[in-house]
Amino acid sequence: MSSTETILLINSSARSADSYSLPLAKQLAEGLQSKLNGAEIVERDLTENTPPVVNAAWFAAAYTPQEEITDETRASLAASDEIVDEFQKASALVITVPIYNFTVSAQLKLWIDQVCRFGRTFTYTENGPKPLGEDRPCYLVVASGGTQIGSEIDFATGYLKHVLGFIGITNIHIVEADQLMQHADEKLPAAKKQVEEYITSFAA
C-alpha cells in the first residue's frame, strides 16, 4: 500500500450525467474515503481521457529492457505509465462497468490494455504468469439495460474478474444495477443498499 491512501475511481460510462453506474460509484468511493482517514479519491474518467490504443510501438517499448529505453520508447508508454502508477498506488478501486452489447465498454478495454504490463503488473515464471503487487478491494459497479449479471450473455463481469485476477486483484465485489430497462424500480434501490452494505463492511 502507498503511504498516502488513495481510492481509484474509474468511470467508463459514456452516459455522463445520465449514467446509472457513476452516482453509485461516487457514493461508494466517498463512503470508502470516510473509512480511510485522509484518503484521496483519484478519479479517471475514461470517456473524457480515453486511453490510446496499443500499437506496434507500444509493444516494442513495453518489452524493451529498462537499460535500453530511449526517450522515444518512453513516450510510447507515457499513458500506460500514468495508468499503472495510479493503479499500483490505490488502496481500493471502484470501477463503473456499463454493459454495452453484452461486454465492457471500449474505453474500459483500452484501460485494461494499458494497465496489464509485463514487468509492471505481471510477469512470467516457469509456472506461468504471476501478478505483481498486492491484492486490494475492488468494487465493480455494473449497470445494464437488459443483460442479467452472471447470465450466459454477460461477457463483462466474468472477464473482469479474470483479467483483474491476472494482475493480482481477487478481492472483488459487485454492485448489481442490471436489467434497468425492465426492473429499475426494484434494481436501483437494491444497488444503493449494496453500496451502503459494502461501505459498512469495509475494513481499513
N, C-alpha and C. Protein backbone atom coordinates (compact mmCIF):
# COMPACT_ATOMS: atom_id res chain seq x y z
N MET A 1 0.84 -1.19 0.00
CA MET A 1 0.00 0.00 0.00
C MET A 1 0.88 1.26 0.00
N SER A 2 0.37 2.31 -0.57
CA SER A 2 1.10 3.57 -0.57
C SER A 2 0.94 4.24 0.77
N SER A 3 1.89 5.15 1.11
CA SER A 3 1.83 5.83 2.40
C SER A 3 0.63 6.77 2.45
N THR A 4 0.28 7.39 1.32
CA THR A 4 -0.91 8.21 1.22
C THR A 4 -2.01 7.37 0.60
N GLU A 5 -3.07 7.15 1.38
CA GLU A 5 -4.14 6.28 0.89
C GLU A 5 -4.87 6.95 -0.28
N THR A 6 -5.10 6.18 -1.33
CA THR A 6 -5.90 6.67 -2.45
C THR A 6 -6.95 5.64 -2.82
N ILE A 7 -8.08 6.16 -3.26
CA ILE A 7 -9.16 5.34 -3.80
C ILE A 7 -9.26 5.69 -5.27
N LEU A 8 -9.03 4.72 -6.13
CA LEU A 8 -9.05 4.97 -7.57
C LEU A 8 -10.46 4.72 -8.10
N LEU A 9 -11.08 5.78 -8.59
CA LEU A 9 -12.43 5.70 -9.17
C LEU A 9 -12.29 5.80 -10.69
N ILE A 10 -12.65 4.72 -11.37
CA ILE A 10 -12.53 4.67 -12.82
C ILE A 10 -13.94 4.68 -13.42
N ASN A 11 -14.21 5.71 -14.22
CA ASN A 11 -15.51 5.81 -14.87
C ASN A 11 -15.39 5.44 -16.34
N SER A 12 -16.16 4.44 -16.75
CA SER A 12 -16.14 4.04 -18.17
C SER A 12 -17.52 4.18 -18.80
N SER A 13 -18.41 4.94 -18.14
CA SER A 13 -19.75 5.14 -18.66
C SER A 13 -19.78 6.31 -19.62
N ALA A 14 -20.31 6.10 -20.80
CA ALA A 14 -20.41 7.15 -21.81
C ALA A 14 -21.63 8.04 -21.60
N ARG A 15 -22.48 7.71 -20.63
CA ARG A 15 -23.73 8.43 -20.45
C ARG A 15 -23.60 9.70 -19.62
N SER A 16 -22.44 9.93 -19.05
CA SER A 16 -22.16 11.16 -18.32
C SER A 16 -23.22 11.42 -17.25
N ALA A 17 -23.93 12.56 -17.36
CA ALA A 17 -24.90 12.94 -16.33
C ALA A 17 -26.07 11.96 -16.23
N ASP A 18 -26.30 11.19 -17.29
CA ASP A 18 -27.41 10.23 -17.28
C ASP A 18 -26.97 8.84 -16.84
N SER A 19 -25.74 8.71 -16.42
CA SER A 19 -25.21 7.40 -16.03
C SER A 19 -25.91 6.87 -14.78
N TYR A 20 -26.17 5.58 -14.77
CA TYR A 20 -26.68 4.91 -13.57
C TYR A 20 -25.54 4.46 -12.68
N SER A 21 -24.44 4.02 -13.29
CA SER A 21 -23.34 3.45 -12.51
C SER A 21 -22.50 4.50 -11.81
N LEU A 22 -22.33 5.68 -12.43
CA LEU A 22 -21.42 6.67 -11.86
C LEU A 22 -21.88 7.23 -10.51
N PRO A 23 -23.16 7.60 -10.32
CA PRO A 23 -23.56 8.07 -8.99
C PRO A 23 -23.37 7.02 -7.91
N LEU A 24 -23.64 5.76 -8.25
CA LEU A 24 -23.42 4.68 -7.29
C LEU A 24 -21.94 4.55 -6.96
N ALA A 25 -21.09 4.67 -7.99
CA ALA A 25 -19.65 4.54 -7.78
C ALA A 25 -19.11 5.69 -6.93
N LYS A 26 -19.61 6.90 -7.17
CA LYS A 26 -19.15 8.04 -6.37
C LYS A 26 -19.60 7.91 -4.92
N GLN A 27 -20.83 7.44 -4.72
CA GLN A 27 -21.32 7.21 -3.36
C GLN A 27 -20.44 6.19 -2.65
N LEU A 28 -20.07 5.15 -3.36
CA LEU A 28 -19.24 4.10 -2.77
C LEU A 28 -17.84 4.62 -2.48
N ALA A 29 -17.25 5.33 -3.43
CA ALA A 29 -15.89 5.86 -3.22
C ALA A 29 -15.85 6.83 -2.04
N GLU A 30 -16.86 7.69 -1.94
CA GLU A 30 -16.91 8.63 -0.82
C GLU A 30 -17.12 7.92 0.51
N GLY A 31 -17.89 6.83 0.47
CA GLY A 31 -18.07 6.04 1.69
C GLY A 31 -16.78 5.37 2.13
N LEU A 32 -16.03 4.84 1.16
CA LEU A 32 -14.74 4.23 1.49
C LEU A 32 -13.77 5.29 2.00
N GLN A 33 -13.84 6.47 1.41
CA GLN A 33 -12.98 7.56 1.85
C GLN A 33 -13.21 7.89 3.31
N SER A 34 -14.48 7.82 3.74
CA SER A 34 -14.79 8.11 5.14
C SER A 34 -14.20 7.07 6.08
N LYS A 35 -13.94 5.87 5.54
CA LYS A 35 -13.33 4.82 6.36
C LYS A 35 -11.80 4.90 6.36
N LEU A 36 -11.25 5.55 5.34
CA LEU A 36 -9.81 5.70 5.23
C LEU A 36 -9.47 7.15 5.53
N ASN A 37 -9.20 7.45 6.75
CA ASN A 37 -8.98 8.83 7.20
C ASN A 37 -7.87 9.49 6.40
N GLY A 38 -8.21 10.60 5.72
CA GLY A 38 -7.21 11.32 4.94
C GLY A 38 -7.01 10.80 3.54
N ALA A 39 -7.79 9.81 3.14
CA ALA A 39 -7.62 9.24 1.81
C ALA A 39 -8.07 10.23 0.73
N GLU A 40 -7.47 10.11 -0.43
CA GLU A 40 -7.81 10.95 -1.58
C GLU A 40 -8.50 10.09 -2.63
N ILE A 41 -9.56 10.62 -3.21
CA ILE A 41 -10.20 9.94 -4.34
C ILE A 41 -9.55 10.44 -5.62
N VAL A 42 -8.96 9.52 -6.37
CA VAL A 42 -8.36 9.84 -7.66
C VAL A 42 -9.32 9.33 -8.73
N GLU A 43 -9.90 10.25 -9.47
CA GLU A 43 -10.90 9.87 -10.47
C GLU A 43 -10.31 9.94 -11.87
N ARG A 44 -10.46 8.86 -12.60
CA ARG A 44 -10.05 8.82 -14.01
C ARG A 44 -11.30 8.56 -14.85
N ASP A 45 -11.69 9.55 -15.61
CA ASP A 45 -12.85 9.43 -16.49
C ASP A 45 -12.37 9.00 -17.86
N LEU A 46 -12.64 7.76 -18.20
CA LEU A 46 -12.13 7.20 -19.45
C LEU A 46 -12.87 7.73 -20.67
N THR A 47 -14.02 8.37 -20.47
CA THR A 47 -14.74 8.95 -21.60
C THR A 47 -14.21 10.33 -21.96
N GLU A 48 -13.65 11.04 -20.97
CA GLU A 48 -13.06 12.35 -21.23
C GLU A 48 -11.56 12.23 -21.52
N ASN A 49 -10.93 11.22 -20.97
CA ASN A 49 -9.50 10.99 -21.15
C ASN A 49 -9.30 9.54 -21.57
N THR A 50 -9.69 9.26 -22.81
CA THR A 50 -9.68 7.88 -23.31
C THR A 50 -8.25 7.41 -23.54
N PRO A 51 -7.87 6.27 -22.98
CA PRO A 51 -6.51 5.76 -23.20
C PRO A 51 -6.26 5.46 -24.67
N PRO A 52 -5.02 5.59 -25.10
CA PRO A 52 -4.70 5.28 -26.50
C PRO A 52 -4.77 3.78 -26.77
N VAL A 53 -4.94 3.45 -28.04
CA VAL A 53 -4.92 2.06 -28.46
C VAL A 53 -3.47 1.57 -28.45
N VAL A 54 -3.25 0.35 -27.97
CA VAL A 54 -1.90 -0.20 -28.03
C VAL A 54 -1.56 -0.51 -29.49
N ASN A 55 -0.30 -0.27 -29.85
CA ASN A 55 0.13 -0.49 -31.23
C ASN A 55 1.53 -1.10 -31.22
N ALA A 56 2.13 -1.18 -32.40
CA ALA A 56 3.44 -1.84 -32.51
C ALA A 56 4.49 -1.11 -31.68
N ALA A 57 4.45 0.23 -31.68
CA ALA A 57 5.43 0.99 -30.90
C ALA A 57 5.25 0.73 -29.41
N TRP A 58 4.01 0.61 -28.97
CA TRP A 58 3.73 0.32 -27.56
C TRP A 58 4.33 -1.04 -27.16
N PHE A 59 4.05 -2.06 -27.96
CA PHE A 59 4.57 -3.39 -27.64
C PHE A 59 6.09 -3.42 -27.65
N ALA A 60 6.70 -2.75 -28.63
CA ALA A 60 8.16 -2.72 -28.70
C ALA A 60 8.74 -2.07 -27.44
N ALA A 61 8.11 -0.98 -27.01
CA ALA A 61 8.60 -0.26 -25.83
C ALA A 61 8.36 -1.06 -24.55
N ALA A 62 7.19 -1.69 -24.46
CA ALA A 62 6.83 -2.42 -23.24
C ALA A 62 7.76 -3.59 -22.98
N TYR A 63 8.32 -4.14 -24.02
CA TYR A 63 9.19 -5.30 -23.85
C TYR A 63 10.67 -4.95 -24.07
N THR A 64 10.99 -3.65 -24.05
CA THR A 64 12.38 -3.21 -24.13
C THR A 64 13.01 -3.22 -22.74
N PRO A 65 14.16 -3.83 -22.56
CA PRO A 65 14.82 -3.80 -21.25
C PRO A 65 15.02 -2.37 -20.77
N GLN A 66 14.92 -2.15 -19.47
CA GLN A 66 15.00 -0.81 -18.90
C GLN A 66 16.27 -0.07 -19.33
N GLU A 67 17.38 -0.78 -19.41
CA GLU A 67 18.64 -0.11 -19.73
C GLU A 67 18.71 0.32 -21.20
N GLU A 68 17.76 -0.15 -22.02
CA GLU A 68 17.77 0.20 -23.44
C GLU A 68 16.66 1.18 -23.81
N ILE A 69 15.88 1.61 -22.84
CA ILE A 69 14.77 2.52 -23.13
C ILE A 69 15.29 3.89 -23.53
N THR A 70 14.73 4.43 -24.60
CA THR A 70 15.08 5.77 -25.08
C THR A 70 13.91 6.72 -24.81
N ASP A 71 14.13 8.00 -25.09
CA ASP A 71 13.04 8.98 -24.92
C ASP A 71 11.87 8.63 -25.83
N GLU A 72 12.16 8.11 -27.00
CA GLU A 72 11.09 7.76 -27.95
C GLU A 72 10.27 6.58 -27.45
N THR A 73 10.94 5.55 -26.96
CA THR A 73 10.19 4.41 -26.47
C THR A 73 9.46 4.75 -25.18
N ARG A 74 10.05 5.62 -24.36
CA ARG A 74 9.40 6.04 -23.12
C ARG A 74 8.12 6.81 -23.44
N ALA A 75 8.11 7.60 -24.48
CA ALA A 75 6.94 8.38 -24.87
C ALA A 75 5.79 7.46 -25.27
N SER A 76 6.10 6.33 -25.86
CA SER A 76 5.06 5.39 -26.27
C SER A 76 4.32 4.79 -25.09
N LEU A 77 4.98 4.83 -23.91
CA LEU A 77 4.39 4.23 -22.72
C LEU A 77 3.93 5.27 -21.70
N ALA A 78 3.92 6.54 -22.08
CA ALA A 78 3.61 7.60 -21.12
C ALA A 78 2.23 7.42 -20.51
N ALA A 79 1.23 7.17 -21.33
CA ALA A 79 -0.13 6.99 -20.82
C ALA A 79 -0.22 5.74 -19.95
N SER A 80 0.42 4.68 -20.40
CA SER A 80 0.41 3.44 -19.64
C SER A 80 1.10 3.59 -18.30
N ASP A 81 2.23 4.29 -18.28
CA ASP A 81 2.95 4.50 -17.02
C ASP A 81 2.07 5.24 -16.01
N GLU A 82 1.36 6.26 -16.48
CA GLU A 82 0.47 7.02 -15.59
C GLU A 82 -0.64 6.15 -15.05
N ILE A 83 -1.23 5.35 -15.92
CA ILE A 83 -2.33 4.47 -15.52
C ILE A 83 -1.84 3.41 -14.54
N VAL A 84 -0.69 2.81 -14.82
CA VAL A 84 -0.14 1.79 -13.94
C VAL A 84 0.22 2.38 -12.58
N ASP A 85 0.81 3.57 -12.57
CA ASP A 85 1.17 4.21 -11.30
C ASP A 85 -0.07 4.45 -10.45
N GLU A 86 -1.15 4.95 -11.04
CA GLU A 86 -2.40 5.16 -10.31
C GLU A 86 -2.92 3.85 -9.74
N PHE A 87 -2.89 2.83 -10.56
CA PHE A 87 -3.39 1.52 -10.15
C PHE A 87 -2.58 0.96 -8.99
N GLN A 88 -1.26 1.05 -9.08
CA GLN A 88 -0.41 0.46 -8.06
C GLN A 88 -0.49 1.21 -6.73
N LYS A 89 -0.76 2.50 -6.76
CA LYS A 89 -0.82 3.30 -5.54
C LYS A 89 -2.15 3.15 -4.80
N ALA A 90 -3.18 2.72 -5.50
CA ALA A 90 -4.53 2.72 -4.93
C ALA A 90 -4.68 1.68 -3.83
N SER A 91 -5.33 2.09 -2.74
CA SER A 91 -5.66 1.17 -1.66
C SER A 91 -6.97 0.44 -1.93
N ALA A 92 -7.80 1.01 -2.79
CA ALA A 92 -9.06 0.39 -3.19
C ALA A 92 -9.42 0.92 -4.57
N LEU A 93 -10.18 0.12 -5.32
CA LEU A 93 -10.59 0.52 -6.65
C LEU A 93 -12.11 0.45 -6.76
N VAL A 94 -12.69 1.44 -7.43
CA VAL A 94 -14.11 1.45 -7.74
C VAL A 94 -14.22 1.69 -9.24
N ILE A 95 -14.85 0.75 -9.95
CA ILE A 95 -14.89 0.83 -11.41
C ILE A 95 -16.34 0.77 -11.89
N THR A 96 -16.76 1.76 -12.67
CA THR A 96 -18.09 1.67 -13.28
C THR A 96 -18.00 0.74 -14.48
N VAL A 97 -18.98 -0.15 -14.57
CA VAL A 97 -18.98 -1.15 -15.64
C VAL A 97 -20.35 -1.16 -16.32
N PRO A 98 -20.62 -0.20 -17.20
CA PRO A 98 -21.82 -0.32 -18.01
C PRO A 98 -21.63 -1.46 -19.01
N ILE A 99 -22.64 -2.28 -19.15
CA ILE A 99 -22.55 -3.37 -20.12
C ILE A 99 -23.09 -2.87 -21.45
N TYR A 100 -22.21 -2.78 -22.44
CA TYR A 100 -22.59 -2.37 -23.79
C TYR A 100 -22.47 -3.58 -24.71
N ASN A 101 -23.57 -3.94 -25.32
CA ASN A 101 -23.55 -5.07 -26.26
C ASN A 101 -22.94 -6.32 -25.62
N PHE A 102 -23.34 -6.55 -24.37
CA PHE A 102 -23.04 -7.76 -23.61
C PHE A 102 -21.63 -7.80 -23.01
N THR A 103 -20.85 -6.73 -23.15
CA THR A 103 -19.49 -6.76 -22.60
C THR A 103 -19.09 -5.37 -22.10
N VAL A 104 -17.81 -5.20 -21.76
CA VAL A 104 -17.34 -3.92 -21.22
C VAL A 104 -17.28 -2.87 -22.31
N SER A 105 -17.26 -1.60 -21.92
CA SER A 105 -17.15 -0.50 -22.88
C SER A 105 -15.77 -0.52 -23.54
N ALA A 106 -15.70 0.10 -24.71
CA ALA A 106 -14.42 0.19 -25.42
C ALA A 106 -13.39 0.95 -24.58
N GLN A 107 -13.86 1.98 -23.86
CA GLN A 107 -12.94 2.78 -23.04
C GLN A 107 -12.31 1.94 -21.93
N LEU A 108 -13.12 1.10 -21.31
CA LEU A 108 -12.59 0.27 -20.22
C LEU A 108 -11.62 -0.77 -20.76
N LYS A 109 -11.90 -1.31 -21.93
CA LYS A 109 -10.98 -2.27 -22.54
C LYS A 109 -9.63 -1.61 -22.83
N LEU A 110 -9.65 -0.35 -23.27
CA LEU A 110 -8.40 0.35 -23.53
C LEU A 110 -7.62 0.56 -22.24
N TRP A 111 -8.32 0.84 -21.13
CA TRP A 111 -7.65 0.98 -19.84
C TRP A 111 -7.00 -0.34 -19.44
N ILE A 112 -7.73 -1.42 -19.63
CA ILE A 112 -7.20 -2.75 -19.30
C ILE A 112 -5.92 -3.03 -20.10
N ASP A 113 -5.95 -2.70 -21.39
CA ASP A 113 -4.78 -2.95 -22.23
C ASP A 113 -3.57 -2.14 -21.77
N GLN A 114 -3.80 -0.97 -21.17
CA GLN A 114 -2.70 -0.15 -20.69
C GLN A 114 -2.19 -0.57 -19.31
N VAL A 115 -3.09 -1.09 -18.47
CA VAL A 115 -2.70 -1.44 -17.10
C VAL A 115 -2.08 -2.83 -17.01
N CYS A 116 -2.35 -3.68 -17.97
CA CYS A 116 -1.74 -5.02 -17.98
C CYS A 116 -0.37 -4.90 -18.66
N ARG A 117 0.67 -4.76 -17.86
CA ARG A 117 2.01 -4.50 -18.36
C ARG A 117 3.00 -5.53 -17.83
N PHE A 118 3.65 -6.22 -18.75
CA PHE A 118 4.70 -7.15 -18.38
C PHE A 118 5.81 -6.40 -17.64
N GLY A 119 6.19 -6.94 -16.48
CA GLY A 119 7.25 -6.33 -15.69
C GLY A 119 6.76 -5.26 -14.74
N ARG A 120 5.52 -4.81 -14.91
CA ARG A 120 4.95 -3.78 -14.03
C ARG A 120 3.81 -4.36 -13.19
N THR A 121 2.84 -4.99 -13.85
CA THR A 121 1.70 -5.55 -13.12
C THR A 121 1.62 -7.07 -13.21
N PHE A 122 2.43 -7.67 -14.07
CA PHE A 122 2.52 -9.13 -14.11
C PHE A 122 3.86 -9.52 -14.71
N THR A 123 4.22 -10.78 -14.49
CA THR A 123 5.42 -11.33 -15.10
C THR A 123 5.15 -12.79 -15.42
N TYR A 124 6.12 -13.43 -16.04
CA TYR A 124 6.00 -14.86 -16.34
C TYR A 124 7.08 -15.63 -15.58
N THR A 125 6.70 -16.77 -15.05
CA THR A 125 7.62 -17.66 -14.36
C THR A 125 7.58 -19.03 -15.02
N GLU A 126 8.38 -19.93 -14.52
CA GLU A 126 8.36 -21.29 -15.08
C GLU A 126 7.02 -21.98 -14.83
N ASN A 127 6.26 -21.44 -13.88
CA ASN A 127 4.93 -21.99 -13.58
C ASN A 127 3.79 -21.21 -14.23
N GLY A 128 4.15 -20.25 -15.09
CA GLY A 128 3.11 -19.47 -15.76
C GLY A 128 3.10 -18.03 -15.30
N PRO A 129 2.06 -17.27 -15.67
CA PRO A 129 2.00 -15.85 -15.30
C PRO A 129 1.86 -15.65 -13.80
N LYS A 130 2.43 -14.55 -13.32
CA LYS A 130 2.38 -14.23 -11.90
C LYS A 130 2.09 -12.74 -11.75
N PRO A 131 1.06 -12.37 -10.97
CA PRO A 131 0.77 -10.95 -10.76
C PRO A 131 1.83 -10.31 -9.89
N LEU A 132 2.03 -9.01 -10.07
CA LEU A 132 2.96 -8.24 -9.26
C LEU A 132 2.17 -7.23 -8.43
N GLY A 133 2.55 -7.04 -7.21
CA GLY A 133 1.84 -6.10 -6.35
C GLY A 133 0.83 -6.80 -5.44
N GLU A 134 0.21 -5.99 -4.58
CA GLU A 134 -0.69 -6.52 -3.57
C GLU A 134 -2.13 -6.55 -4.04
N ASP A 135 -2.89 -7.50 -3.50
CA ASP A 135 -4.33 -7.53 -3.71
C ASP A 135 -4.97 -6.40 -2.92
N ARG A 136 -6.05 -5.84 -3.45
CA ARG A 136 -6.79 -4.77 -2.77
C ARG A 136 -8.27 -4.93 -3.05
N PRO A 137 -9.12 -4.31 -2.23
CA PRO A 137 -10.56 -4.38 -2.53
C PRO A 137 -10.87 -3.66 -3.84
N CYS A 138 -11.70 -4.29 -4.64
CA CYS A 138 -12.11 -3.72 -5.91
C CYS A 138 -13.62 -3.88 -6.04
N TYR A 139 -14.29 -2.80 -6.37
CA TYR A 139 -15.75 -2.79 -6.48
C TYR A 139 -16.14 -2.50 -7.92
N LEU A 140 -16.86 -3.43 -8.52
CA LEU A 140 -17.36 -3.25 -9.88
C LEU A 140 -18.82 -2.83 -9.81
N VAL A 141 -19.10 -1.61 -10.24
CA VAL A 141 -20.48 -1.11 -10.23
C VAL A 141 -21.04 -1.37 -11.62
N VAL A 142 -21.77 -2.46 -11.74
CA VAL A 142 -22.22 -2.96 -13.04
C VAL A 142 -23.65 -2.50 -13.31
N ALA A 143 -23.84 -1.89 -14.48
CA ALA A 143 -25.18 -1.44 -14.88
C ALA A 143 -25.48 -1.98 -16.28
N SER A 144 -26.72 -2.40 -16.47
CA SER A 144 -27.12 -2.88 -17.80
C SER A 144 -28.58 -2.56 -18.05
N GLY A 145 -28.92 -2.51 -19.33
CA GLY A 145 -30.32 -2.31 -19.68
C GLY A 145 -31.11 -3.60 -19.61
N GLY A 146 -30.54 -4.68 -20.18
CA GLY A 146 -31.27 -5.94 -20.21
C GLY A 146 -30.47 -7.15 -19.80
N THR A 147 -29.14 -7.05 -19.86
CA THR A 147 -28.29 -8.20 -19.54
C THR A 147 -28.30 -8.49 -18.05
N GLN A 148 -28.58 -9.72 -17.69
CA GLN A 148 -28.56 -10.12 -16.28
C GLN A 148 -27.14 -10.49 -15.88
N ILE A 149 -26.68 -9.93 -14.79
CA ILE A 149 -25.34 -10.24 -14.30
C ILE A 149 -25.22 -11.73 -13.99
N GLY A 150 -24.16 -12.34 -14.49
CA GLY A 150 -23.93 -13.76 -14.25
C GLY A 150 -24.63 -14.68 -15.22
N SER A 151 -25.40 -14.12 -16.14
CA SER A 151 -26.10 -14.95 -17.11
C SER A 151 -25.16 -15.35 -18.24
N GLU A 152 -25.64 -16.22 -19.11
CA GLU A 152 -24.79 -16.70 -20.20
C GLU A 152 -24.49 -15.62 -21.24
N ILE A 153 -25.20 -14.50 -21.20
CA ILE A 153 -24.90 -13.41 -22.14
C ILE A 153 -24.14 -12.26 -21.48
N ASP A 154 -23.74 -12.46 -20.24
CA ASP A 154 -22.92 -11.47 -19.54
C ASP A 154 -21.45 -11.80 -19.78
N PHE A 155 -20.84 -11.07 -20.73
CA PHE A 155 -19.44 -11.28 -21.04
C PHE A 155 -18.56 -10.20 -20.42
N ALA A 156 -19.10 -9.48 -19.44
CA ALA A 156 -18.37 -8.39 -18.80
C ALA A 156 -17.80 -8.80 -17.45
N THR A 157 -18.65 -9.25 -16.53
CA THR A 157 -18.19 -9.46 -15.16
C THR A 157 -17.20 -10.62 -15.04
N GLY A 158 -17.46 -11.71 -15.75
CA GLY A 158 -16.52 -12.84 -15.69
C GLY A 158 -15.17 -12.46 -16.27
N TYR A 159 -15.19 -11.72 -17.36
CA TYR A 159 -13.95 -11.27 -17.98
C TYR A 159 -13.17 -10.37 -17.04
N LEU A 160 -13.86 -9.42 -16.40
CA LEU A 160 -13.17 -8.50 -15.49
C LEU A 160 -12.58 -9.24 -14.30
N LYS A 161 -13.32 -10.18 -13.74
CA LYS A 161 -12.77 -10.95 -12.63
C LYS A 161 -11.49 -11.67 -13.06
N HIS A 162 -11.50 -12.21 -14.26
CA HIS A 162 -10.32 -12.95 -14.73
C HIS A 162 -9.14 -12.02 -14.97
N VAL A 163 -9.37 -10.92 -15.72
CA VAL A 163 -8.25 -10.07 -16.09
C VAL A 163 -7.71 -9.30 -14.88
N LEU A 164 -8.58 -8.92 -13.95
CA LEU A 164 -8.10 -8.26 -12.74
C LEU A 164 -7.32 -9.25 -11.87
N GLY A 165 -7.78 -10.50 -11.82
CA GLY A 165 -7.04 -11.53 -11.10
C GLY A 165 -5.67 -11.77 -11.71
N PHE A 166 -5.57 -11.62 -13.02
CA PHE A 166 -4.30 -11.79 -13.73
C PHE A 166 -3.26 -10.79 -13.24
N ILE A 167 -3.72 -9.60 -12.81
CA ILE A 167 -2.78 -8.60 -12.29
C ILE A 167 -2.90 -8.44 -10.77
N GLY A 168 -3.47 -9.46 -10.13
CA GLY A 168 -3.38 -9.54 -8.68
C GLY A 168 -4.59 -9.11 -7.88
N ILE A 169 -5.67 -8.69 -8.54
CA ILE A 169 -6.85 -8.22 -7.82
C ILE A 169 -7.90 -9.33 -7.79
N THR A 170 -8.04 -9.95 -6.63
CA THR A 170 -9.02 -11.03 -6.47
C THR A 170 -10.10 -10.71 -5.45
N ASN A 171 -9.88 -9.65 -4.66
CA ASN A 171 -10.85 -9.23 -3.65
C ASN A 171 -11.90 -8.34 -4.32
N ILE A 172 -12.78 -8.97 -5.11
CA ILE A 172 -13.69 -8.24 -5.98
C ILE A 172 -15.12 -8.35 -5.48
N HIS A 173 -15.82 -7.21 -5.48
CA HIS A 173 -17.22 -7.14 -5.06
C HIS A 173 -18.02 -6.47 -6.17
N ILE A 174 -19.24 -6.92 -6.36
CA ILE A 174 -20.06 -6.40 -7.46
C ILE A 174 -21.30 -5.71 -6.93
N VAL A 175 -21.53 -4.50 -7.41
CA VAL A 175 -22.79 -3.80 -7.18
C VAL A 175 -23.67 -4.08 -8.40
N GLU A 176 -24.83 -4.64 -8.18
CA GLU A 176 -25.67 -5.13 -9.27
C GLU A 176 -26.80 -4.15 -9.59
N ALA A 177 -26.59 -3.39 -10.67
CA ALA A 177 -27.64 -2.50 -11.17
C ALA A 177 -27.97 -2.94 -12.59
N ASP A 178 -28.41 -4.17 -12.71
CA ASP A 178 -28.65 -4.76 -14.04
C ASP A 178 -30.13 -4.76 -14.40
N GLN A 179 -30.40 -5.00 -15.68
CA GLN A 179 -31.76 -5.10 -16.22
C GLN A 179 -32.62 -3.87 -15.89
N LEU A 180 -32.00 -2.70 -16.02
CA LEU A 180 -32.68 -1.47 -15.61
C LEU A 180 -33.81 -1.07 -16.55
N MET A 181 -33.76 -1.53 -17.79
CA MET A 181 -34.86 -1.23 -18.71
C MET A 181 -36.14 -1.95 -18.30
N GLN A 182 -35.99 -3.01 -17.52
CA GLN A 182 -37.15 -3.81 -17.13
C GLN A 182 -37.50 -3.66 -15.65
N HIS A 183 -36.46 -3.51 -14.81
CA HIS A 183 -36.70 -3.58 -13.37
C HIS A 183 -36.02 -2.46 -12.59
N ALA A 184 -35.98 -1.25 -13.15
CA ALA A 184 -35.26 -0.15 -12.50
C ALA A 184 -35.82 0.16 -11.11
N ASP A 185 -37.13 0.13 -10.96
CA ASP A 185 -37.74 0.46 -9.67
C ASP A 185 -37.30 -0.49 -8.56
N GLU A 186 -36.96 -1.69 -8.96
CA GLU A 186 -36.51 -2.70 -7.99
C GLU A 186 -34.98 -2.72 -7.87
N LYS A 187 -34.31 -2.64 -9.02
CA LYS A 187 -32.87 -2.86 -9.05
C LYS A 187 -32.06 -1.68 -8.50
N LEU A 188 -32.48 -0.45 -8.78
CA LEU A 188 -31.70 0.69 -8.31
C LEU A 188 -31.69 0.81 -6.78
N PRO A 189 -32.84 0.69 -6.11
CA PRO A 189 -32.80 0.72 -4.64
C PRO A 189 -31.96 -0.42 -4.06
N ALA A 190 -32.02 -1.59 -4.70
CA ALA A 190 -31.23 -2.73 -4.23
C ALA A 190 -29.74 -2.46 -4.41
N ALA A 191 -29.37 -1.82 -5.52
CA ALA A 191 -27.96 -1.49 -5.75
C ALA A 191 -27.46 -0.47 -4.73
N LYS A 192 -28.29 0.53 -4.42
CA LYS A 192 -27.91 1.52 -3.42
C LYS A 192 -27.73 0.86 -2.05
N LYS A 193 -28.57 -0.11 -1.75
CA LYS A 193 -28.43 -0.83 -0.49
C LYS A 193 -27.12 -1.62 -0.47
N GLN A 194 -26.77 -2.23 -1.60
CA GLN A 194 -25.50 -2.94 -1.68
C GLN A 194 -24.33 -2.01 -1.41
N VAL A 195 -24.39 -0.81 -2.00
CA VAL A 195 -23.34 0.17 -1.79
C VAL A 195 -23.20 0.48 -0.30
N GLU A 196 -24.31 0.73 0.36
CA GLU A 196 -24.29 1.04 1.79
C GLU A 196 -23.71 -0.13 2.60
N GLU A 197 -24.06 -1.34 2.21
CA GLU A 197 -23.55 -2.52 2.91
C GLU A 197 -22.05 -2.68 2.70
N TYR A 198 -21.56 -2.42 1.48
CA TYR A 198 -20.12 -2.51 1.22
C TYR A 198 -19.36 -1.46 2.03
N ILE A 199 -19.92 -0.27 2.15
CA ILE A 199 -19.27 0.77 2.93
C ILE A 199 -19.19 0.36 4.41
N THR A 200 -20.31 -0.15 4.91
CA THR A 200 -20.37 -0.55 6.32
C THR A 200 -19.37 -1.66 6.62
N SER A 201 -19.24 -2.61 5.70
CA SER A 201 -18.39 -3.78 5.96
C SER A 201 -16.93 -3.56 5.60
N PHE A 202 -16.61 -2.41 4.98
CA PHE A 202 -15.23 -2.17 4.55
C PHE A 202 -14.33 -2.04 5.77
N ALA A 203 -13.21 -2.76 5.73
CA ALA A 203 -12.24 -2.71 6.82
C ALA A 203 -10.99 -2.01 6.34
N ALA A 204 -10.64 -0.93 6.98
CA ALA A 204 -9.45 -0.15 6.58
C ALA A 204 -8.19 -0.94 6.89
